[in-house]
Protein backbone atom coordinates (compact mmCIF):
# COMPACT_ATOMS: atom_id res chain seq x y z
CA MET A 1 -5.18 -1.00 13.82
CA VAL A 2 -5.38 -4.44 12.24
CA ILE A 3 -4.62 -7.57 14.27
CA GLN A 4 -2.72 -10.36 12.55
CA THR A 5 -1.86 -13.93 13.47
CA MET A 6 -0.09 -16.78 11.67
CA TRP A 7 -1.29 -20.28 10.88
CA LYS A 8 0.68 -22.70 13.04
CA ASP A 9 0.87 -25.77 10.80
CA ARG A 10 1.45 -26.73 7.22
CA LEU A 11 -1.78 -27.10 5.24
CA SER A 12 -2.78 -29.79 2.79
CA PHE A 13 -5.81 -29.98 0.55
CA SER A 14 -7.40 -32.40 3.02
CA ASP A 15 -7.22 -29.72 5.74
CA LEU A 16 -9.14 -27.03 3.87
CA GLU A 17 -12.66 -27.90 4.99
CA ASN A 18 -11.63 -27.78 8.66
CA ALA A 19 -9.42 -24.72 8.20
CA ALA A 20 -12.12 -22.48 6.76
CA PRO A 21 -14.46 -22.53 9.83
CA ARG A 22 -11.53 -21.88 12.16
CA ILE A 23 -10.45 -18.91 10.07
CA GLU A 24 -13.96 -17.46 10.18
CA GLY A 25 -13.86 -17.94 13.96
CA LEU A 26 -10.61 -15.97 14.16
CA ALA A 27 -12.26 -13.20 12.16
CA ARG A 28 -15.13 -13.02 14.64
CA MET A 29 -12.61 -12.73 17.48
CA GLY A 30 -11.06 -9.64 15.89
CA CYS A 31 -8.32 -10.98 13.61
CA GLY A 32 -8.11 -9.01 10.37
CA LEU A 33 -5.18 -10.66 8.61
CA LEU A 34 -3.83 -14.23 8.59
CA ARG A 35 -0.34 -15.18 7.40
CA PHE A 36 0.75 -18.57 6.07
CA ALA A 37 4.23 -19.96 5.49
CA VAL A 38 4.50 -21.02 1.84
CA PRO A 39 7.68 -23.11 1.54
CA ASP A 40 7.05 -24.54 -1.94
CA LEU A 41 4.77 -24.44 -4.97
CA ALA A 42 2.55 -27.21 -3.61
CA ALA A 43 1.82 -25.06 -0.54
CA ALA A 44 1.04 -22.13 -2.85
CA GLU A 45 -1.67 -24.20 -4.54
CA VAL A 46 -3.26 -25.09 -1.19
CA LEU A 47 -3.17 -21.51 0.07
CA GLY A 48 -4.58 -20.19 -3.18
CA ASN A 49 -7.56 -22.52 -2.96
CA LEU A 50 -8.11 -21.58 0.69
CA ALA A 51 -8.10 -17.88 -0.22
CA ARG A 52 -11.09 -18.56 -2.47
CA MET A 53 -13.00 -20.16 0.41
CA VAL A 54 -12.73 -17.54 3.16
CA SER A 55 -13.41 -13.84 3.64
CA MET A 56 -10.31 -13.28 5.79
CA PRO A 57 -7.43 -11.61 3.87
CA LEU A 58 -4.59 -14.16 3.64
CA VAL A 59 -0.87 -13.35 3.47
CA ALA A 60 1.71 -15.56 1.75
CA ASP A 61 5.08 -15.69 3.54
CA ILE A 62 7.77 -16.39 0.92
CA HIS A 63 11.46 -17.17 1.32
CA PHE A 64 14.18 -17.94 -1.25
CA ASP A 65 12.11 -18.84 -4.35
CA TYR A 66 10.55 -15.94 -6.23
CA LYS A 67 8.48 -18.37 -8.33
CA ILE A 68 6.42 -19.21 -5.23
CA ALA A 69 5.52 -15.52 -4.86
CA LEU A 70 4.59 -15.30 -8.53
CA ARG A 71 2.31 -18.35 -8.26
CA CYS A 72 0.62 -17.09 -5.09
CA MET A 73 -0.35 -13.91 -6.90
CA ASP A 74 -2.41 -15.93 -9.38
CA PHE A 75 -4.87 -16.40 -6.49
CA PRO A 76 -6.79 -13.84 -4.39
CA ILE A 77 -3.92 -13.41 -1.92
CA ALA A 78 -4.10 -10.18 0.07
CA LYS A 79 -0.38 -9.63 0.61
CA ILE A 80 3.06 -11.13 -0.06
CA ARG A 81 5.71 -11.09 2.68
CA VAL A 82 9.40 -11.37 1.75
CA ASN A 83 12.69 -11.06 3.66
CA PRO A 84 15.29 -8.57 2.41
CA GLY A 85 17.88 -10.10 0.17
CA ASN A 86 16.74 -13.72 0.15
CA ILE A 87 14.35 -13.65 -2.81
CA GLY A 88 17.20 -13.74 -5.34
CA SER A 89 18.69 -11.50 -8.00
CA THR A 90 17.49 -8.02 -8.92
CA LYS A 91 15.78 -9.55 -11.97
CA LYS A 92 13.76 -11.88 -9.73
CA VAL A 93 12.82 -9.08 -7.34
CA ARG A 94 11.69 -6.99 -10.30
CA ALA A 95 9.48 -9.85 -11.52
CA VAL A 96 7.76 -10.05 -8.14
CA LEU A 97 7.27 -6.29 -7.95
CA ASP A 98 5.91 -6.06 -11.50
CA LYS A 99 3.32 -8.77 -10.89
CA ALA A 100 2.35 -7.33 -7.52
CA ALA A 101 1.85 -3.92 -9.13
CA GLU A 102 -0.22 -5.45 -11.92
CA ARG A 103 -2.48 -7.26 -9.41
CA ASN A 104 -2.47 -4.39 -6.87
CA ILE A 105 -1.09 -6.71 -4.18
CA PRO A 106 0.92 -5.10 -1.36
CA ILE A 107 4.27 -6.50 -0.29
CA ARG A 108 5.53 -6.62 3.27
CA ILE A 109 9.26 -6.27 3.74
CA GLY A 110 9.96 -8.41 6.79
CA VAL A 111 13.27 -7.70 8.51
CA ASN A 112 14.28 -9.98 11.39
CA ALA A 113 17.28 -9.65 13.68
CA GLY A 114 18.24 -13.26 12.94
CA SER A 115 18.36 -12.81 9.16
CA LEU A 116 20.12 -9.50 8.62
CA PRO A 117 22.48 -9.12 5.64
CA GLN A 118 26.04 -10.09 6.59
CA ASP A 119 27.50 -6.62 6.13
CA LEU A 120 24.91 -5.10 8.47
CA ARG A 121 25.51 -7.71 11.15
CA ALA A 122 29.16 -6.74 11.24
CA GLY A 123 29.06 -3.09 10.23
CA VAL A 124 26.31 -1.53 12.35
CA GLY A 125 26.80 -1.29 16.09
CA GLU A 126 23.24 -1.50 17.42
CA CYS A 127 20.85 -4.20 16.23
CA SER A 128 18.04 -1.63 16.06
CA GLU A 129 20.08 0.51 13.65
CA ALA A 130 20.87 -2.55 11.53
CA LEU A 131 17.20 -3.49 11.35
CA ALA A 132 16.24 0.01 10.23
CA LYS A 133 19.12 0.14 7.75
CA ALA A 134 18.08 -3.18 6.19
CA ALA A 135 14.53 -1.91 5.80
CA GLU A 136 15.72 1.38 4.26
CA ARG A 137 17.93 -0.51 1.83
CA GLU A 138 15.03 -2.68 0.64
CA LEU A 139 12.68 0.31 0.40
CA ALA A 140 15.22 2.01 -1.85
CA ILE A 141 15.11 -0.96 -4.24
CA PHE A 142 11.32 -0.90 -4.28
CA ASP A 143 11.36 2.85 -4.85
CA LYS A 144 13.79 2.46 -7.73
CA TYR A 145 11.17 0.40 -9.55
CA GLY A 146 8.32 2.70 -8.55
CA PHE A 147 6.67 0.21 -6.19
CA THR A 148 5.06 1.97 -3.22
CA ASN A 149 2.34 -0.49 -2.14
CA VAL A 150 4.48 -1.67 0.74
CA VAL A 151 4.49 -2.27 4.49
CA VAL A 152 7.59 -2.88 6.63
CA SER A 153 8.17 -4.97 9.73
CA MET A 154 11.35 -4.95 11.84
CA LYS A 155 11.30 -7.59 14.54
CA ALA A 156 13.73 -8.80 17.16
CA SER A 157 13.36 -10.91 20.27
CA SER A 158 14.83 -7.93 22.14
CA ILE A 159 12.24 -5.45 23.41
CA ALA A 160 14.64 -2.52 23.17
CA ASP A 161 15.75 -3.32 19.60
CA THR A 162 12.16 -3.76 18.44
CA VAL A 163 11.06 -0.44 19.92
CA GLN A 164 14.05 1.55 18.75
CA ALA A 165 14.13 0.16 15.19
CA ASN A 166 10.51 1.13 14.67
CA ARG A 167 11.10 4.58 16.14
CA ILE A 168 14.02 5.13 13.75
CA LEU A 169 12.05 4.18 10.64
CA ALA A 170 8.89 6.01 11.74
CA ALA A 171 10.93 9.18 12.20
CA GLY A 172 12.33 9.02 8.68
CA THR A 173 9.45 7.71 6.57
CA ASN A 174 5.68 7.43 6.56
CA VAL A 175 5.66 3.82 5.28
CA PRO A 176 3.06 1.66 7.09
CA LEU A 177 4.57 -0.51 9.82
CA HIS A 178 3.68 -3.99 11.05
CA ILE A 179 4.92 -4.27 14.64
CA GLY A 180 5.65 -7.17 16.95
CA VAL A 181 8.31 -8.96 19.00
CA THR A 182 9.52 -12.06 17.18
CA GLU A 183 9.87 -15.35 19.05
CA ALA A 184 8.36 -13.67 22.11
CA GLY A 185 7.95 -16.96 23.96
CA PRO A 186 5.21 -19.07 25.57
CA LEU A 187 1.88 -17.56 26.57
CA ILE A 188 2.74 -15.65 29.76
CA ALA A 189 6.28 -14.59 28.87
CA GLY A 190 5.30 -13.76 25.31
CA VAL A 191 2.36 -11.57 26.28
CA ALA A 192 4.46 -9.71 28.87
CA ARG A 193 7.34 -9.07 26.46
CA SER A 194 5.04 -8.10 23.62
CA ALA A 195 3.09 -5.68 25.78
CA ALA A 196 6.30 -4.04 27.02
CA ALA A 197 7.42 -3.38 23.44
CA LEU A 198 4.14 -2.64 21.71
CA VAL A 199 2.35 -0.35 24.16
CA PRO A 200 4.95 2.47 23.96
CA LEU A 201 4.97 2.30 20.15
CA LEU A 202 1.18 2.27 19.91
CA VAL A 203 0.78 5.22 22.28
CA GLU A 204 3.31 7.14 20.14
CA GLY A 205 1.19 6.43 17.06
CA ILE A 206 3.64 3.92 15.56
CA GLY A 207 2.21 0.80 13.92
CA ASP A 208 -0.58 -0.01 11.50
CA THR A 209 -0.86 -3.78 11.97
CA LEU A 210 0.41 -5.94 14.81
CA ARG A 211 0.96 -9.54 15.82
CA VAL A 212 1.66 -11.01 19.24
CA SER A 213 3.90 -13.97 18.34
CA LEU A 214 3.34 -16.70 20.91
CA SER A 215 4.27 -20.35 21.29
CA ASP A 216 0.55 -20.86 21.77
CA SER A 217 -2.70 -20.88 19.82
CA MET A 218 -3.73 -18.39 17.15
CA GLU A 219 -6.81 -17.58 19.23
CA ASN A 220 -4.66 -16.56 22.20
CA GLU A 221 -2.49 -14.42 19.91
CA VAL A 222 -5.61 -12.53 18.82
CA ILE A 223 -6.90 -12.14 22.40
CA ALA A 224 -3.48 -10.88 23.55
CA ALA A 225 -3.33 -8.36 20.70
CA ARG A 226 -6.81 -7.06 21.52
CA GLU A 227 -5.90 -6.62 25.18
CA ILE A 228 -2.63 -4.87 24.34
CA LEU A 229 -4.47 -2.49 22.04
CA GLY A 230 -7.02 -1.85 24.79
CA ALA A 231 -4.29 -1.12 27.34
CA ALA A 232 -2.54 1.26 24.93
CA ALA A 233 -5.86 3.01 24.25
CA GLU A 234 -6.40 3.53 28.00
CA ILE A 235 -2.91 4.98 28.42
CA ALA A 236 -3.33 7.24 25.40
CA SER A 237 -6.71 8.40 26.70
CA PHE A 238 -5.59 9.43 30.17
CA SER A 239 -2.45 11.00 28.65
CA GLY A 240 -4.71 13.34 26.68
CA GLN A 241 -4.03 11.71 23.30
CA ALA A 242 -7.63 11.34 22.18
CA GLU A 243 -6.82 10.71 18.52
CA ALA A 244 -4.40 7.88 19.35
CA ALA A 245 -6.88 6.38 21.81
CA ALA A 246 -9.63 6.37 19.19
CA ARG A 247 -7.36 4.69 16.64
CA LEU A 248 -6.40 1.95 19.08
CA ARG A 249 -9.75 1.26 20.69
CA GLN A 250 -11.20 -2.03 19.42
CA GLY A 251 -14.61 -2.26 21.09
CA GLY A 252 -16.10 -5.66 21.78
CA VAL A 253 -16.34 -7.46 25.10
CA ARG A 254 -14.03 -6.47 27.95
CA VAL A 255 -13.53 -9.29 30.42
CA VAL A 256 -12.56 -8.70 34.04
CA SER A 257 -12.07 -11.60 36.41
CA CYS A 258 -10.63 -12.19 39.85
CA PRO A 259 -7.56 -14.42 40.21
CA ARG A 260 -9.34 -16.80 42.65
CA CYS A 261 -8.26 -17.63 46.18
CA GLY A 262 -9.17 -20.03 49.02
CA ARG A 263 -12.39 -18.10 49.57
CA HIS A 264 -13.77 -18.86 46.10
CA GLY A 265 -17.18 -20.39 45.66
CA PHE A 266 -17.18 -20.28 41.87
CA ASP A 267 -14.70 -21.86 39.46
CA THR A 268 -13.55 -18.76 37.61
CA HIS A 269 -10.73 -20.63 35.85
CA GLY A 270 -12.96 -23.31 34.38
CA PHE A 271 -15.69 -20.86 33.42
CA SER A 272 -13.20 -18.52 31.74
CA SER A 273 -11.60 -21.28 29.70
CA ARG A 274 -15.00 -22.35 28.41
CA TRP A 275 -16.30 -18.87 27.67
CA LEU A 276 -13.40 -16.63 26.57
CA PRO A 277 -13.36 -17.65 22.87
CA ARG A 278 -17.11 -17.07 22.65
CA LEU A 279 -16.97 -13.78 24.54
CA TYR A 280 -14.22 -12.36 22.34
CA ALA A 281 -16.21 -13.34 19.25
CA LEU A 282 -19.26 -11.29 20.28
CA ASP A 283 -20.12 -8.19 18.29
CA LYS A 284 -21.05 -6.23 21.42
CA THR A 285 -19.30 -3.52 23.38
CA ILE A 286 -19.94 -4.63 26.95
CA SER A 287 -17.98 -5.52 30.09
CA VAL A 288 -18.27 -8.99 31.62
CA ALA A 289 -17.10 -9.86 35.15
CA ILE A 290 -16.20 -13.41 36.18
CA MET A 291 -15.78 -13.35 39.96
CA GLY A 292 -14.93 -16.09 42.44
CA CYS A 293 -16.92 -15.20 45.56
CA GLU A 294 -19.47 -12.89 47.13
CA VAL A 295 -16.68 -10.52 48.25
CA ASN A 296 -15.50 -9.73 44.70
CA GLY A 297 -18.90 -10.02 43.07
CA PRO A 298 -21.26 -8.40 42.67
CA GLU A 299 -20.03 -5.36 44.67
CA GLU A 300 -16.45 -5.06 43.39
CA ALA A 301 -17.71 -5.69 39.87
CA ARG A 302 -20.76 -3.47 39.99
CA HIS A 303 -19.41 -1.55 36.98
CA ALA A 304 -19.87 -4.64 34.78
CA ASP A 305 -22.74 -4.85 32.31
CA LEU A 306 -23.00 -8.56 33.11
CA GLY A 307 -21.31 -10.66 35.75
CA ILE A 308 -21.29 -14.10 37.32
CA THR A 309 -20.15 -15.44 40.69
CA GLY A 310 -21.18 -18.12 43.14
CA THR A 311 -21.26 -19.51 46.65
CA GLY A 312 -21.86 -23.13 47.55
CA ASP A 313 -24.13 -24.69 44.94
CA LYS A 314 -25.65 -21.35 44.01
CA VAL A 315 -24.50 -19.20 41.14
CA LEU A 316 -25.41 -15.51 40.96
CA ILE A 317 -25.75 -13.57 37.72
CA PHE A 318 -25.75 -9.82 38.10
CA ARG A 319 -25.97 -6.58 36.13
CA HIS A 320 -24.29 -3.43 37.45
CA GLY A 321 -24.06 -4.97 40.90
CA LYS A 322 -27.70 -6.11 41.08
CA VAL A 323 -28.40 -9.86 41.17
CA VAL A 324 -30.85 -10.75 38.38
CA ARG A 325 -30.74 -14.56 38.61
CA THR A 326 -29.79 -17.24 41.10
CA VAL A 327 -29.32 -20.72 39.64
CA SER A 328 -27.62 -24.02 40.44
CA ALA A 329 -24.03 -24.62 39.36
CA ALA A 330 -25.28 -27.16 36.83
CA ASP A 331 -27.45 -24.52 35.16
CA ALA A 332 -24.92 -21.70 35.29
CA ASP A 333 -23.66 -21.85 31.69
CA ALA A 334 -27.15 -22.02 30.19
CA ALA A 335 -28.42 -19.17 32.36
CA PHE A 336 -25.38 -17.02 31.59
CA ALA A 337 -25.86 -17.64 27.86
CA GLU A 338 -29.47 -16.49 28.09
CA GLU A 339 -28.53 -13.30 29.94
CA LEU A 340 -25.70 -12.65 27.50
CA ASP A 341 -28.13 -12.81 24.60
CA PHE A 342 -30.16 -10.01 26.24
CA SER A 343 -27.12 -7.81 26.83
């Protein structure tokens, strides 16, 4: 499984030097694909130059003007994403497909509930059926011209429509699928809705790339996707689906933390906010516990490879339930960093 996110702002040439380090940071966190809106030819030039600066595969999201897609493919762009029916005439579609075939660039057919063809909005009863029908219609055009380097996404803000549309297409074709709930919402609502839709699909073996679309940061989209994949892997594993579990399992750091209560002696919220981006960027398969008091840590987190908790002005760092260091609150971050390096 490949995790994807989308750049949240429009880029200019002046942004490129700052964009490149952030993109490399996303890669370290587990993102494997990054999509950019490309509304005009000027944006295509910026994205093309960025693609030459980073190792992350970049995707150009094109609407309405086929010339933008053609220009993007002059650069090392990893994929082109188009919406069914809005790229123009058959001649224009053919031009995009021919150049993509020549450059060996895949195309993602992106079908959204809000941009279905008019006849499908009126003529198909269920939105999920209309989404699948729109995808099948576009695949037929691509097949007519012998273009098979394709991936399909069918997204709705409805959990049920998203799940069912992907089940319909997966049952009738083996085309790779990008899955996600579109416009899922702010952080908490968006993660909950995305998990509800994506976990059943993932456990069933449906989906090759995924994005958790949040009104939040790209980093949190990547973290949410990793956690959803981990949850689906756990469910697949205890359901006896070893192959599915292996495909979904991401590795890396697994963070467990208590919610905090009036008994807390350690600021789990503050520590987590400082450390989560760094923890998710580590190339280590370990579990880390961030616990608020001596009740929850170390004993309740004795399974953790490394943990931290505190009481009063003292902070305890432990491994598998055994305290290995006791330091002041002021020294906690530095001491934790040292122990993390040895993990």
